[in-house]
Amino acid sequence: MTKLSGWDDTIVAIATPQGVGAIGVIRLSGNKAFEIINHLFPSKDLDHQPTHTLHVGYLKEGDKVLDEVVVSLFKAPKSYTGEDVIEISAHGSPFIHQQIVGACVKEGARLAKPGEFTQRAFLNGKLDLAQAEAVADLIASNTAASQKAALHTIRGGFSANLKDLRDRLLKFSALIELELDFSQEDVEFADRTQFYELINELQYSTSKLINSFQLGNVIRNGVSVAIVGKPNAGKSTLLNNLLNENRAIVSDIPGTTRDTIEEVINIDGILFRLIDTAGIREHTTDVIESAGIERSLEKIKQADLVLYVFDINEGIAELKTWQLQAEKDGVRFLLVANKIDSADEKVAREKFAAFDHIVFISAKNNMHTEVLKEKMVDMILEGKVQPENTIITNARHFHALKEVARSLNDIKEGLDKKIPGDLLALDIRRSLHYLGEITGEITNEDQLDYIFSKFCIGK
């Protein structure tokens, strides 16, 4: 990776979150990192100490003691950024941290921009762009699934998939380009049958990555779940049960829930954003309740999953009507037959045997709610992709892969129509271009600045 202009200085930033804590870490990276620390750490000459070692002593600005610190040394190229890196572990006072940063700036460092340490790691070839972006995803991860997906990419799992696609396409690209040099002799170096088979394989691999983006969105952003149903069906009781706390007011009075209530729960590494809605009924004279019902209907349209809660003692005609409408509208739903404690469970199951995607529970008595949670996860994951596999969570990667798929389709159509090699070469180059954009083999300074500006300072 060729270094861009303005990357020869030394940067400094606080690498730990703002606020008071036991310790805080200040990070330096650049060719003057050791020179700067030696001026501030008079206990010993750190320039002559081995890399990956720790040193305890006083950090001073002139005669003024700033703090007693632990200094960690990482000499280039064996560091996160590929440059000389110093990490100063100080006591957790924000005032002390600012003093240390200020002293480093006086000695010649400058304040780092958001994501600049990781950007330097990318520019120095320590990470490709997909891996670098996964660092931000790992920092932002708040579930086991999002953690696994980010770690898989950081370790190079996604990059390995892309490298395989690119290398196989490059091989045939070289043969096609070679044919152009011998265009007057009407020869074919690239076996069109093998090339056609390769394009089919690449289309399958690319399609699999593209299709994983839906699950990637779930892992990264969570699942919006609307809990809907008629008044007094037990929606708020169910919400309280799932959260294991009394979040929503529960009452026998119809229309108690007037507005939507939103809470988050982690189930098997997936975040579910639960939305308790106002009970839906056709006739009400209450203006506030009517507004709540309108919001409920809107939440149904926006939700990734709808839990339709109903009283098991009611008839099935109204339930059939709701299900048919939901299927017509393309709503993903689970039917939740509540109050199973008030009926014969065997009889109830026979009564609703014709319905798919149905779970029998008692929200009040916490019966079968674990089964409901399992069903919710199954409805979202659908058993298609496991979190440890390569999962696309980044919209930039998704759109680039869509362009790759479009180019592969054009190549295939070109082979079907037996178009000349020079035209095939254009489509191949376009596909290679978008694969290169994902890993950063093809990029520009503005694009990098935009990507890394979304990182936190100090990373």
Protein backbone atom coordinates (compact mmCIF):
# COMPACT_ATOMS: atom_id res chain seq x y z
CA MET A 1 0.00 0.00 0.00
CA THR A 2 1.47 3.36 -1.05
CA LYS A 3 1.55 5.91 1.74
CA LEU A 4 -0.45 9.06 1.19
CA SER A 5 0.92 12.52 1.76
CA GLY A 6 1.14 14.01 5.28
CA TRP A 7 1.75 10.74 7.11
CA ASP A 8 5.34 11.24 8.30
CA ASP A 9 4.54 12.98 11.61
CA THR A 10 3.86 11.57 15.07
CA ILE A 11 0.35 11.48 16.49
CA VAL A 12 -0.98 11.28 20.04
CA ALA A 13 -4.41 10.58 21.54
CA ILE A 14 -6.13 9.23 24.62
CA ALA A 15 -7.03 5.64 23.73
CA THR A 16 -9.39 4.90 26.64
CA PRO A 17 -12.95 6.24 27.09
CA GLN A 18 -13.56 9.68 28.56
CA GLY A 19 -14.21 9.85 32.30
CA VAL A 20 -12.59 8.85 35.56
CA GLY A 21 -11.28 5.31 35.86
CA ALA A 22 -8.49 3.27 37.45
CA ILE A 23 -6.13 3.88 34.52
CA GLY A 24 -6.10 5.66 31.19
CA VAL A 25 -3.95 4.96 28.15
CA ILE A 26 -2.31 7.61 25.97
CA ARG A 27 -1.01 6.36 22.63
CA LEU A 28 1.78 7.75 20.41
CA SER A 29 2.63 6.56 16.91
CA GLY A 30 5.23 7.84 14.46
CA ASN A 31 8.94 8.22 13.82
CA LYS A 32 9.42 10.65 16.75
CA ALA A 33 7.54 8.59 19.33
CA PHE A 34 10.70 7.42 21.12
CA GLU A 35 12.33 10.84 20.91
CA ILE A 36 9.26 12.41 22.52
CA ILE A 37 8.96 9.83 25.31
CA ASN A 38 12.67 10.07 26.14
CA HIS A 39 12.25 13.80 26.84
CA LEU A 40 9.35 13.06 29.21
CA PHE A 41 10.60 9.83 30.81
CA PRO A 42 14.08 10.54 32.26
CA SER A 43 14.35 7.27 34.21
CA LYS A 44 16.09 5.44 31.34
CA ASP A 45 16.84 5.72 27.63
CA LEU A 46 13.87 3.86 26.12
CA ASP A 47 15.35 4.07 22.63
CA HIS A 48 17.78 1.31 23.59
CA GLN A 49 15.24 -0.96 25.29
CA PRO A 50 13.83 -4.04 23.53
CA THR A 51 10.47 -3.87 21.79
CA HIS A 52 7.38 -5.23 23.55
CA THR A 53 8.67 -4.34 27.03
CA LEU A 54 7.13 -2.42 29.95
CA HIS A 55 8.88 0.27 31.99
CA VAL A 56 7.74 1.92 35.25
CA GLY A 57 8.78 5.42 36.19
CA TYR A 58 7.84 9.07 36.54
CA LEU A 59 6.66 11.06 33.55
CA LYS A 60 7.94 14.64 33.79
CA GLU A 61 7.54 17.89 31.93
CA GLY A 62 10.77 19.66 32.88
CA ASP A 63 10.94 19.48 36.67
CA LYS A 64 7.19 18.96 37.00
CA VAL A 65 6.08 15.37 37.71
CA LEU A 66 2.97 14.52 35.69
CA ASP A 67 2.37 11.00 36.99
CA GLU A 68 3.94 7.64 37.78
CA VAL A 69 3.24 5.56 34.68
CA VAL A 70 3.86 2.32 32.86
CA VAL A 71 5.32 2.81 29.37
CA SER A 72 4.81 0.05 26.77
CA LEU A 73 7.17 -0.08 23.79
CA PHE A 74 6.30 -1.39 20.33
CA LYS A 75 9.04 -0.78 17.77
CA ALA A 76 8.34 -0.67 14.03
CA PRO A 77 7.33 -2.74 12.19
CA LYS A 78 6.10 -4.99 15.02
CA SER A 79 3.30 -2.73 16.18
CA TYR A 80 -0.39 -2.12 15.51
CA THR A 81 0.30 0.76 13.10
CA GLY A 82 3.57 -0.60 11.69
CA GLU A 83 5.32 2.49 13.11
CA ASP A 84 7.05 3.08 16.45
CA VAL A 85 4.24 3.02 19.02
CA ILE A 86 4.35 4.07 22.67
CA GLU A 87 1.48 3.46 25.08
CA ILE A 88 1.49 5.32 28.39
CA SER A 89 -0.67 3.79 31.14
CA ALA A 90 -1.39 6.54 33.64
CA HIS A 91 -3.76 6.92 36.57
CA GLY A 92 -7.35 7.50 35.47
CA SER A 93 -7.68 11.24 36.01
CA PRO A 94 -8.85 13.10 32.87
CA PHE A 95 -6.80 16.09 34.08
CA ILE A 96 -3.62 13.97 34.12
CA HIS A 97 -4.42 12.56 30.68
CA GLN A 98 -4.79 16.03 29.19
CA GLN A 99 -1.52 17.13 30.79
CA ILE A 100 0.33 14.16 29.26
CA VAL A 101 -1.19 14.76 25.83
CA GLY A 102 -0.29 18.45 26.08
CA ALA A 103 3.31 17.60 27.00
CA CYS A 104 3.57 15.26 23.99
CA VAL A 105 2.23 17.97 21.69
CA LYS A 106 4.82 20.45 23.04
CA GLU A 107 7.52 17.90 22.20
CA GLY A 108 6.39 17.70 18.57
CA ALA A 109 3.42 15.34 18.34
CA ARG A 110 0.05 16.39 16.97
CA LEU A 111 -3.43 15.34 18.04
CA ALA A 112 -4.65 12.28 16.15
CA LYS A 113 -7.77 12.40 14.02
CA PRO A 114 -10.58 9.84 14.52
CA GLY A 115 -9.40 6.39 13.40
CA GLU A 116 -5.93 7.63 12.44
CA PHE A 117 -4.05 4.84 14.22
CA THR A 118 -6.02 2.19 12.33
CA GLN A 119 -5.70 4.21 9.12
CA ARG A 120 -1.92 4.09 9.52
CA ALA A 121 -2.12 0.35 10.15
CA PHE A 122 -3.94 0.04 6.82
CA LEU A 123 -1.51 2.32 4.95
CA ASN A 124 1.44 0.36 6.34
CA GLY A 125 -0.02 -2.97 5.22
CA LYS A 126 -0.82 -4.31 8.69
CA LEU A 127 -4.52 -4.63 7.82
CA ASP A 128 -6.51 -4.46 4.61
CA LEU A 129 -9.47 -2.07 4.47
CA ALA A 130 -12.09 -4.71 5.28
CA GLN A 131 -10.12 -5.76 8.37
CA ALA A 132 -9.62 -2.13 9.40
CA GLU A 133 -13.35 -1.41 9.21
CA ALA A 134 -14.01 -4.55 11.27
CA VAL A 135 -11.95 -2.99 14.09
CA ALA A 136 -14.65 -0.32 14.46
CA ASP A 137 -17.33 -3.03 14.31
CA LEU A 138 -15.58 -4.95 17.11
CA ILE A 139 -15.40 -1.84 19.29
CA ALA A 140 -19.12 -1.24 18.69
CA SER A 141 -20.11 -4.90 19.20
CA ASN A 142 -22.63 -5.48 21.98
CA THR A 143 -23.55 -9.14 21.44
CA ALA A 144 -21.69 -12.42 21.02
CA ALA A 145 -22.82 -12.63 17.38
CA SER A 146 -21.55 -9.16 16.44
CA GLN A 147 -18.28 -9.89 18.25
CA LYS A 148 -17.78 -13.16 16.33
CA ALA A 149 -18.61 -11.56 12.98
CA ALA A 150 -16.13 -8.71 13.55
CA LEU A 151 -13.37 -11.02 14.82
CA HIS A 152 -13.84 -13.31 11.82
CA THR A 153 -13.23 -10.36 9.48
CA ILE A 154 -10.31 -8.97 11.52
CA ARG A 155 -8.63 -12.37 11.35
CA GLY A 156 -8.90 -12.22 7.58
CA GLY A 157 -11.82 -14.58 6.96
CA PHE A 158 -13.71 -12.19 4.68
CA SER A 159 -10.49 -11.04 3.00
CA ALA A 160 -9.57 -14.66 2.28
CA ASN A 161 -12.92 -15.14 0.52
CA LEU A 162 -12.32 -12.03 -1.60
CA LYS A 163 -8.71 -13.00 -2.35
CA ASP A 164 -9.88 -16.37 -3.64
CA LEU A 165 -12.46 -14.69 -5.90
CA ARG A 166 -9.93 -12.14 -7.15
CA ASP A 167 -7.06 -14.59 -7.74
CA ARG A 168 -9.20 -16.96 -9.77
CA LEU A 169 -10.59 -14.12 -11.85
CA LEU A 170 -7.13 -12.62 -12.34
CA LYS A 171 -5.84 -15.88 -13.80
CA PHE A 172 -8.38 -15.81 -16.60
CA SER A 173 -8.05 -12.05 -16.95
CA ALA A 174 -4.36 -12.47 -17.73
CA LEU A 175 -5.15 -15.07 -20.41
CA ILE A 176 -7.83 -12.83 -21.96
CA GLU A 177 -5.40 -9.88 -21.97
CA LEU A 178 -2.78 -12.12 -23.60
CA GLU A 179 -5.22 -12.94 -26.37
CA LEU A 180 -5.48 -9.22 -27.14
CA ASP A 181 -1.73 -9.17 -27.89
CA PHE A 182 -2.29 -11.88 -30.50
CA SER A 183 -5.57 -10.58 -31.87
CA GLN A 184 -4.33 -10.82 -35.45
CA GLU A 185 -3.68 -14.55 -35.10
CA ASP A 186 -7.18 -15.50 -33.88
CA VAL A 187 -6.02 -17.64 -30.94
CA GLU A 188 -7.68 -18.36 -27.57
CA PHE A 189 -5.51 -18.89 -24.50
CA ALA A 190 -8.45 -18.88 -22.06
CA ASP A 191 -10.59 -22.01 -22.23
CA ARG A 192 -14.12 -20.59 -22.55
CA THR A 193 -15.75 -23.69 -21.04
CA GLN A 194 -13.57 -23.52 -17.93
CA PHE A 195 -14.08 -19.75 -17.76
CA TYR A 196 -17.86 -20.22 -17.91
CA GLU A 197 -17.69 -22.73 -15.05
CA LEU A 198 -15.56 -20.31 -13.05
CA ILE A 199 -18.06 -17.48 -13.53
CA ASN A 200 -20.84 -19.78 -12.27
CA GLU A 201 -18.80 -20.56 -9.14
CA LEU A 202 -17.94 -16.90 -8.57
CA GLN A 203 -21.59 -15.91 -8.98
CA TYR A 204 -22.58 -18.46 -6.35
CA SER A 205 -19.89 -17.28 -3.89
CA THR A 206 -20.74 -13.61 -4.45
CA SER A 207 -24.47 -14.26 -4.11
CA LYS A 208 -23.88 -16.08 -0.82
CA LEU A 209 -21.96 -13.09 0.56
CA ILE A 210 -24.62 -10.64 -0.66
CA ASN A 211 -27.44 -12.70 0.87
CA SER A 212 -25.63 -12.73 4.22
CA PHE A 213 -26.07 -8.95 4.47
CA GLN A 214 -29.63 -9.33 5.78
CA LEU A 215 -28.33 -11.40 8.69
CA GLY A 216 -25.41 -8.99 9.00
CA ASN A 217 -27.83 -6.13 9.54
CA VAL A 218 -29.56 -8.16 12.24
CA ILE A 219 -26.25 -8.89 13.98
CA ARG A 220 -25.07 -5.29 13.74
CA ASN A 221 -28.28 -3.33 14.38
CA GLY A 222 -30.61 -5.78 16.12
CA VAL A 223 -34.13 -6.93 15.28
CA SER A 224 -37.20 -4.72 15.58
CA VAL A 225 -40.01 -6.77 17.16
CA ALA A 226 -43.54 -5.34 17.41
CA ILE A 227 -45.75 -6.97 20.06
CA VAL A 228 -49.30 -6.46 18.81
CA GLY A 229 -52.78 -7.76 19.46
CA LYS A 230 -56.17 -6.83 20.86
CA PRO A 231 -56.53 -5.03 24.22
CA ASN A 232 -56.00 -7.30 27.25
CA ALA A 233 -54.37 -10.04 25.16
CA GLY A 234 -51.33 -9.91 27.46
CA LYS A 235 -48.87 -7.88 25.40
CA SER A 236 -47.50 -5.80 28.28
CA THR A 237 -47.33 -8.86 30.54
CA LEU A 238 -45.32 -10.64 27.86
CA LEU A 239 -42.95 -7.67 27.53
CA ASN A 240 -42.40 -7.60 31.31
CA ASN A 241 -41.83 -11.36 31.29
CA LEU A 242 -39.25 -11.25 28.49
CA LEU A 243 -37.42 -8.37 30.18
CA ASN A 244 -37.77 -9.96 33.63
CA GLU A 245 -38.90 -6.61 35.04
CA ASN A 246 -42.10 -4.55 35.34
CA ARG A 247 -41.44 -2.17 32.47
CA ALA A 248 -45.03 -1.81 31.20
CA ILE A 249 -48.14 -1.06 33.27
CA VAL A 250 -50.41 -4.11 33.37
CA SER A 251 -54.17 -3.65 33.93
CA ASP A 252 -57.49 -5.33 33.11
CA ILE A 253 -58.72 -2.01 31.76
CA PRO A 254 -58.73 -2.08 27.92
CA GLY A 255 -56.53 0.56 26.34
CA THR A 256 -54.08 0.88 29.27
CA THR A 257 -51.11 1.04 26.89
CA ARG A 258 -51.63 4.28 24.96
CA ASP A 259 -48.24 4.64 23.25
CA THR A 260 -45.43 2.36 22.18
CA ILE A 261 -42.87 1.20 24.76
CA GLU A 262 -39.45 0.10 23.48
CA GLU A 263 -36.85 -2.02 25.27
CA VAL A 264 -33.87 -4.16 24.21
CA ILE A 265 -33.15 -7.79 25.08
CA ASN A 266 -30.25 -10.06 24.09
CA ILE A 267 -31.32 -13.57 23.05
CA ASP A 268 -28.57 -16.00 21.96
CA GLY A 269 -26.30 -13.17 20.86
CA ILE A 270 -28.96 -11.30 18.87
CA LEU A 271 -30.37 -7.96 20.01
CA PHE A 272 -34.17 -7.80 19.88
CA ARG A 273 -35.74 -4.34 20.18
CA LEU A 274 -39.12 -5.13 21.70
CA ILE A 275 -41.94 -2.67 21.03
CA ASP A 276 -45.08 -3.01 23.14
CA THR A 277 -47.90 -1.37 21.21
CA ALA A 278 -51.36 -0.12 22.04
CA GLY A 279 -54.06 -2.77 21.76
CA ILE A 280 -55.68 -2.79 18.32
CA ARG A 281 -59.46 -2.59 18.23
CA GLU A 282 -61.77 -1.20 15.59
CA HIS A 283 -63.98 1.10 17.66
CA THR A 284 -62.81 3.51 20.35
CA THR A 285 -63.97 7.01 21.27
CA ASP A 286 -60.71 7.81 23.07
CA VAL A 287 -58.64 10.19 20.91
CA ILE A 288 -55.36 9.28 22.67
CA GLU A 289 -56.03 5.56 22.33
CA SER A 290 -56.84 6.06 18.63
CA ALA A 291 -53.47 7.76 18.12
CA GLY A 292 -51.79 4.86 19.91
CA ILE A 293 -53.53 2.35 17.61
CA GLU A 294 -52.31 4.29 14.55
CA ARG A 295 -48.75 4.07 15.87
CA SER A 296 -49.21 0.33 16.47
CA LEU A 297 -50.22 -0.21 12.84
CA GLU A 298 -47.20 1.81 11.72
CA LYS A 299 -44.86 -0.28 13.90
CA ILE A 300 -46.20 -3.46 12.29
CA LYS A 301 -45.11 -2.17 8.87
CA GLN A 302 -41.64 -1.19 10.14
CA ALA A 303 -40.90 -4.28 12.26
CA ASP A 304 -38.56 -7.12 11.25
CA LEU A 305 -40.75 -9.50 13.24
CA VAL A 306 -44.28 -9.21 14.64
CA LEU A 307 -45.50 -11.12 17.68
CA TYR A 308 -49.30 -11.30 17.42
CA VAL A 309 -50.53 -12.02 20.95
CA PHE A 310 -54.08 -13.35 21.38
CA ASP A 311 -56.19 -14.92 24.13
CA ILE A 312 -56.30 -18.68 23.60
CA ASN A 313 -59.95 -18.76 24.72
CA GLU A 314 -61.08 -16.68 21.73
CA GLY A 315 -62.32 -18.04 18.42
CA ILE A 316 -60.17 -18.69 15.35
CA ALA A 317 -62.06 -16.68 12.70
CA GLU A 318 -60.53 -13.33 13.65
CA LEU A 319 -57.08 -14.92 13.92
CA LYS A 320 -57.38 -16.34 10.39
CA THR A 321 -58.31 -12.91 9.07
CA TRP A 322 -55.26 -11.32 10.73
CA GLN A 323 -52.91 -14.03 9.44
CA LEU A 324 -54.17 -13.75 5.86
CA GLN A 325 -53.68 -9.98 5.92
CA ALA A 326 -50.19 -10.29 7.42
CA GLU A 327 -49.16 -12.81 4.76
CA LYS A 328 -50.58 -10.55 2.06
CA ASP A 329 -48.57 -7.60 3.42
CA GLY A 330 -45.39 -9.70 3.60
CA VAL A 331 -45.15 -9.41 7.39
CA ARG A 332 -42.86 -11.88 9.17
CA PHE A 333 -44.81 -12.97 12.26
CA LEU A 334 -45.23 -15.40 15.11
CA LEU A 335 -48.66 -16.16 16.55
CA VAL A 336 -48.48 -16.14 20.34
CA ALA A 337 -51.38 -18.02 21.95
CA ASN A 338 -51.43 -16.56 25.46
CA LYS A 339 -53.17 -17.68 28.69
CA ILE A 340 -52.56 -21.39 28.13
CA ASP A 341 -52.86 -21.76 31.92
CA SER A 342 -56.58 -20.99 31.64
CA ALA A 343 -57.36 -23.79 29.15
CA ASP A 344 -56.68 -27.45 28.46
CA GLU A 345 -53.37 -27.28 26.57
CA LYS A 346 -54.00 -30.42 24.52
CA VAL A 347 -57.43 -29.21 23.41
CA ALA A 348 -56.05 -25.76 22.66
CA ARG A 349 -53.26 -27.17 20.47
CA GLU A 350 -55.81 -29.21 18.51
CA LYS A 351 -58.01 -26.12 18.13
CA PHE A 352 -55.20 -24.13 16.51
CA ALA A 353 -53.49 -27.05 14.71
CA ALA A 354 -54.09 -25.47 11.29
CA PHE A 355 -51.93 -22.45 12.10
CA ASP A 356 -48.21 -22.34 11.36
CA HIS A 357 -45.67 -20.31 13.34
CA ILE A 358 -47.64 -20.52 16.57
CA VAL A 359 -46.35 -20.70 20.16
CA PHE A 360 -48.46 -21.47 23.23
CA ILE A 361 -47.52 -19.56 26.38
CA SER A 362 -48.73 -18.12 29.63
CA ALA A 363 -47.07 -14.72 29.99
CA LYS A 364 -48.51 -14.32 33.48
CA ASN A 365 -47.11 -17.64 34.76
CA ASN A 366 -43.94 -17.65 32.63
CA MET A 367 -44.89 -20.85 30.80
CA HIS A 368 -43.10 -21.72 27.52
CA THR A 369 -41.59 -18.23 27.12
CA GLU A 370 -38.17 -19.85 26.55
CA VAL A 371 -39.72 -21.71 23.60
CA LEU A 372 -40.95 -18.36 22.28
CA LYS A 373 -37.42 -16.92 22.51
CA GLU A 374 -36.02 -19.90 20.57
CA LYS A 375 -38.69 -19.43 17.89
CA MET A 376 -37.86 -15.72 17.62
CA VAL A 377 -34.19 -16.51 16.97
CA ASP A 378 -35.10 -19.26 14.48
CA MET A 379 -37.43 -16.92 12.58
CA ILE A 380 -34.58 -14.41 12.12
CA LEU A 381 -31.63 -16.73 11.44
CA GLU A 382 -33.73 -19.29 9.53
CA GLY A 383 -30.83 -21.74 9.90
CA LYS A 384 -29.19 -20.39 6.76
CA VAL A 385 -26.04 -18.75 8.10
CA GLN A 386 -24.09 -19.32 11.28
CA PRO A 387 -22.45 -16.33 13.03
CA GLU A 388 -18.94 -17.87 12.70
CA ASN A 389 -19.15 -17.82 8.90
CA THR A 390 -18.38 -14.78 6.77
CA ILE A 391 -21.25 -12.34 7.21
CA ILE A 392 -21.47 -8.97 5.47
CA THR A 393 -22.32 -6.25 7.99
CA ASN A 394 -20.92 -3.24 6.13
CA ALA A 395 -23.12 -1.40 3.60
CA ARG A 396 -20.05 -0.33 1.57
CA HIS A 397 -19.02 -3.96 1.14
CA PHE A 398 -22.59 -4.93 0.22
CA HIS A 399 -22.87 -2.33 -2.55
CA ALA A 400 -19.42 -3.23 -3.92
CA LEU A 401 -20.40 -6.91 -4.04
CA LYS A 402 -23.60 -5.99 -5.87
CA GLU A 403 -21.43 -4.33 -8.53
CA VAL A 404 -19.23 -7.44 -8.66
CA ALA A 405 -22.34 -9.58 -9.20
CA ARG A 406 -23.51 -7.24 -11.96
CA SER A 407 -20.12 -7.47 -13.68
CA LEU A 408 -20.05 -11.26 -13.43
CA ASN A 409 -23.49 -11.39 -14.99
CA ASP A 410 -22.25 -9.20 -17.87
CA ILE A 411 -19.26 -11.52 -18.34
CA LYS A 412 -21.55 -14.54 -18.49
CA GLU A 413 -23.84 -12.86 -21.02
CA GLY A 414 -20.76 -11.95 -23.05
CA LEU A 415 -19.64 -15.56 -23.09
CA ASP A 416 -23.12 -16.66 -24.17
CA LYS A 417 -23.04 -14.16 -27.04
CA LYS A 418 -19.41 -14.99 -27.88
CA ILE A 419 -18.36 -11.34 -27.75
CA PRO A 420 -14.70 -10.43 -28.46
CA GLY A 421 -12.04 -10.76 -25.76
CA ASP A 422 -11.45 -7.00 -25.48
CA LEU A 423 -15.06 -6.47 -24.40
CA LEU A 424 -14.88 -9.38 -21.95
CA ALA A 425 -11.71 -7.84 -20.52
CA LEU A 426 -13.59 -4.61 -19.70
CA ASP A 427 -16.17 -6.48 -17.62
CA ILE A 428 -13.45 -8.52 -15.89
CA ARG A 429 -11.54 -5.36 -14.98
CA ARG A 430 -14.73 -3.82 -13.58
CA SER A 431 -15.32 -6.88 -11.39
CA LEU A 432 -11.70 -6.82 -10.17
CA HIS A 433 -12.01 -3.09 -9.47
CA TYR A 434 -14.94 -3.51 -7.08
CA LEU A 435 -13.32 -6.48 -5.33
CA GLY A 436 -10.24 -4.30 -4.85
CA GLU A 437 -12.35 -1.46 -3.44
CA ILE A 438 -13.49 -3.67 -0.56
CA THR A 439 -9.99 -4.63 0.59
CA GLY A 440 -8.47 -1.24 -0.23
CA GLU A 441 -6.27 -2.35 -3.12
CA ILE A 442 -8.09 0.34 -5.09
CA THR A 443 -8.92 3.48 -3.10
CA ASN A 444 -8.35 7.22 -2.78
CA GLU A 445 -7.56 9.67 -0.01
CA ASP A 446 -11.08 11.13 0.24
CA GLN A 447 -12.60 7.67 0.59
CA LEU A 448 -10.16 6.74 3.35
CA ASP A 449 -10.79 9.98 5.23
CA TYR A 450 -14.54 9.30 5.14
CA ILE A 451 -14.21 5.68 6.31
CA PHE A 452 -11.84 6.37 9.19
CA SER A 453 -13.63 9.54 10.31
CA LYS A 454 -16.34 7.26 11.72
CA PHE A 455 -13.84 5.67 14.15
CA CYS A 456 -13.29 6.89 17.70
CA ILE A 457 -10.25 9.03 18.46
CA GLY A 458 -7.33 6.98 19.76
CA LYS A 459 -8.09 3.91 17.62
